[in-house]
C-alpha atoms as a PDB file:
ATOM      1  CA  MET A   1       0.477   8.719  20.044  1.00  0.00           C
ATOM      2  CA  ALA A   2      -0.865   6.462  17.426  1.00  0.00           C
ATOM      3  CA  TYR A   3       0.809   5.729  14.175  1.00  0.00           C
ATOM      4  CA  GLN A   4      -1.277   7.749  11.362  1.00  0.00           C
ATOM      5  CA  PRO A   5      -0.125   6.471   7.753  1.00  0.00           C
ATOM      6  CA  LYS A   6      -0.179   9.357   5.231  1.00  0.00           C
ATOM      7  CA  VAL A   7       0.627   8.681   1.348  1.00  0.00           C
ATOM      8  CA  VAL A   8       2.217  11.369  -0.087  1.00  0.00           C
ATOM      9  CA  ASN A   9       3.013   9.884  -3.843  1.00  0.00           C
ATOM     10  CA  ALA A  10       1.715   6.580  -5.425  1.00  0.00           C
ATOM     11  CA  ARG A  11       2.103   5.042  -8.881  1.00  0.00           C
ATOM     12  CA  ILE A  12       0.955   1.932 -10.725  1.00  0.00           C
ATOM     13  CA  VAL A  13       3.652  -0.415 -11.349  1.00  0.00           C
ATOM     14  CA  SER A  14       1.856  -3.718 -12.842  1.00  0.00           C
ATOM     15  CA  GLU A  15      -1.358  -3.915 -14.009  1.00  0.00           C
ATOM     16  CA  ASN A  16      -3.253  -7.109 -15.479  1.00  0.00           C
ATOM     17  CA  PRO A  17      -6.655  -6.183 -17.029  1.00  0.00           C
ATOM     18  CA  LYS A  18      -7.620 -10.041 -17.620  1.00  0.00           C
ATOM     19  CA  ASN A  19      -8.144 -10.963 -14.242  1.00  0.00           C
ATOM     20  CA  GLY A  20      -8.006  -7.389 -12.211  1.00  0.00           C
ATOM     21  CA  PHE A  21      -4.848  -7.816 -10.188  1.00  0.00           C
ATOM     22  CA  PHE A  22      -2.535  -4.554 -10.256  1.00  0.00           C
ATOM     23  CA  GLU A  23       0.000  -3.349  -7.643  1.00  0.00           C
ATOM     24  CA  ILE A  24       0.661   0.051  -6.262  1.00  0.00           C
ATOM     25  CA  VAL A  25       4.136   1.275  -4.926  1.00  0.00           C
ATOM     26  CA  ALA A  26       3.405   4.254  -2.287  1.00  0.00           C
ATOM     27  CA  GLU A  27       5.309   6.584  -0.411  1.00  0.00           C
ATOM     28  CA  LEU A  28       4.333   7.573   2.814  1.00  0.00           C
ATOM     29  CA  ALA A  29       5.061  10.690   4.984  1.00  0.00           C
ATOM     30  CA  ASP A  30       7.148   9.043   7.072  1.00  0.00           C
ATOM     31  CA  GLN A  31       9.635   8.099   4.108  1.00  0.00           C
ATOM     32  CA  ASN A  32       8.569   4.652   4.022  1.00  0.00           C
ATOM     33  CA  HIS A  33       7.444   2.758   0.853  1.00  0.00           C
ATOM     34  CA  CYS A  34       5.426   0.014   0.316  1.00  0.00           C
ATOM     35  CA  ARG A  35       3.684  -2.074  -2.427  1.00  0.00           C
ATOM     36  CA  LEU A  36       0.129  -2.819  -2.342  1.00  0.00           C
ATOM     37  CA  THR A  37      -1.686  -5.472  -4.254  1.00  0.00           C
ATOM     38  CA  PHE A  38      -5.253  -4.992  -5.610  1.00  0.00           C
ATOM     39  CA  GLU A  39      -7.871  -7.084  -6.996  1.00  0.00           C
ATOM     40  CA  LYS A  40     -10.941  -6.069  -8.720  1.00  0.00           C
ATOM     41  CA  ASP A  41     -14.064  -7.296  -7.653  1.00  0.00           C
ATOM     42  CA  PRO A  42     -15.701  -8.524 -11.463  1.00  0.00           C
ATOM     43  CA  THR A  43     -19.285  -7.581 -10.546  1.00  0.00           C
ATOM     44  CA  THR A  44     -19.107  -4.206  -9.467  1.00  0.00           C
ATOM     45  CA  GLY A  45     -15.826  -3.136 -10.396  1.00  0.00           C
ATOM     46  CA  GLU A  46     -14.275  -2.133  -6.840  1.00  0.00           C
ATOM     47  CA  SER A  47     -10.878  -2.367  -6.063  1.00  0.00           C
ATOM     48  CA  LYS A  48      -9.679  -3.842  -2.663  1.00  0.00           C
ATOM     49  CA  VAL A  49      -6.497  -4.398  -1.576  1.00  0.00           C
ATOM     50  CA  THR A  50      -5.190  -7.715  -0.389  1.00  0.00           C
ATOM     51  CA  HIS A  51      -1.603  -7.516   0.591  1.00  0.00           C
ATOM     52  CA  VAL A  52       0.911  -4.728   1.682  1.00  0.00           C
ATOM     53  CA  ASN A  53       4.883  -5.513   1.487  1.00  0.00           C
ATOM     54  CA  ARG A  54       7.277  -2.625   3.381  1.00  0.00           C
ATOM     55  CA  LEU A  55       9.830  -1.954   1.004  1.00  0.00           C
ATOM     56  CA  TYR A  56      13.349  -1.662   3.024  1.00  0.00           C
ATOM     57  CA  LYS A  57      14.538   1.675   2.173  1.00  0.00           C
ATOM     58  CA  VAL A  58      14.069   2.863   5.619  1.00  0.00           C
ATOM     59  CA  PRO A  59      13.399   1.329   9.018  1.00  0.00           C
ATOM     60  CA  CYS A  60       9.865   0.787  10.084  1.00  0.00           C
ATOM     61  CA  GLY A  61       8.110   3.972  11.293  1.00  0.00           C
ATOM     62  CA  ILE A  62       6.032   1.968  13.733  1.00  0.00           C
ATOM     63  CA  CYS A  63       8.564  -0.578  15.490  1.00  0.00           C
ATOM     64  CA  LYS A  64      11.924   0.872  13.879  1.00  0.00           C
ATOM     65  CA  LYS A  65      13.041  -2.372  13.252  1.00  0.00           C
ATOM     66  CA  ASP A  66      15.416  -2.453   9.854  1.00  0.00           C
ATOM     67  CA  PHE A  67      14.255  -6.109   8.423  1.00  0.00           C
ATOM     68  CA  LEU A  68      10.789  -7.904   8.263  1.00  0.00           C
ATOM     69  CA  CYS A  69       7.970  -6.465  10.201  1.00  0.00           C
ATOM     70  CA  TYR A  70       4.493  -6.757   9.836  1.00  0.00           C
ATOM     71  CA  CYS A  71       3.327  -3.614  11.002  1.00  0.00           C
ATOM     72  CA  LEU A  72       1.833  -2.127   8.067  1.00  0.00           C
ATOM     73  CA  ASN A  73      -0.624  -4.465   7.735  1.00  0.00           C
ATOM     74  CA  ARG A  74      -2.650  -3.103  10.751  1.00  0.00           C
ATOM     75  CA  TYR A  75      -3.025  -0.070   8.254  1.00  0.00           C
ATOM     76  CA  MET A  76      -3.458  -1.841   4.878  1.00  0.00           C
ATOM     77  CA  HIS A  77      -6.927  -0.777   4.141  1.00  0.00           C
ATOM     78  CA  GLU A  78      -6.197   2.758   5.327  1.00  0.00           C
ATOM     79  CA  ILE A  79      -3.182   2.922   3.283  1.00  0.00           C
ATOM     80  CA  GLY A  80      -5.016   1.428   0.052  1.00  0.00           C
ATOM     81  CA  ARG A  81      -7.782   3.847   0.053  1.00  0.00           C
ATOM     82  CA  GLN A  82      -5.270   6.898  -0.042  1.00  0.00           C
ATOM     83  CA  ALA A  83      -2.962   5.290  -2.686  1.00  0.00           C
ATOM     84  CA  LEU A  84      -5.982   4.442  -4.774  1.00  0.00           C
ATOM     85  CA  GLU A  85      -6.997   8.245  -4.017  1.00  0.00           C
ATOM     86  CA  VAL A  86      -3.356   9.668  -5.074  1.00  0.00           C
ATOM     87  CA  VAL A  87      -3.320   7.347  -8.254  1.00  0.00           C
ATOM     88  CA  SER A  88      -6.779   8.516  -9.372  1.00  0.00           C
END
């Protein structure tokens, strides 16, 4: 069964309106938390996710590691889209 991330809660934790960067902390349905970094396109104003970092509160829901892993990078755009929907 393939991993399907589901954002249940998200909040903006920092924002810099001068350059369009902002960060969102999202909680996933499997109790994982991650920090997403976004930038806004200056011409269109559209937000684009640039980085995702898993916060080490529980083991990774994909590989079950309790330390550094990059599993959520594969789902960065999907998690980012859901987080923006929850915040809006």
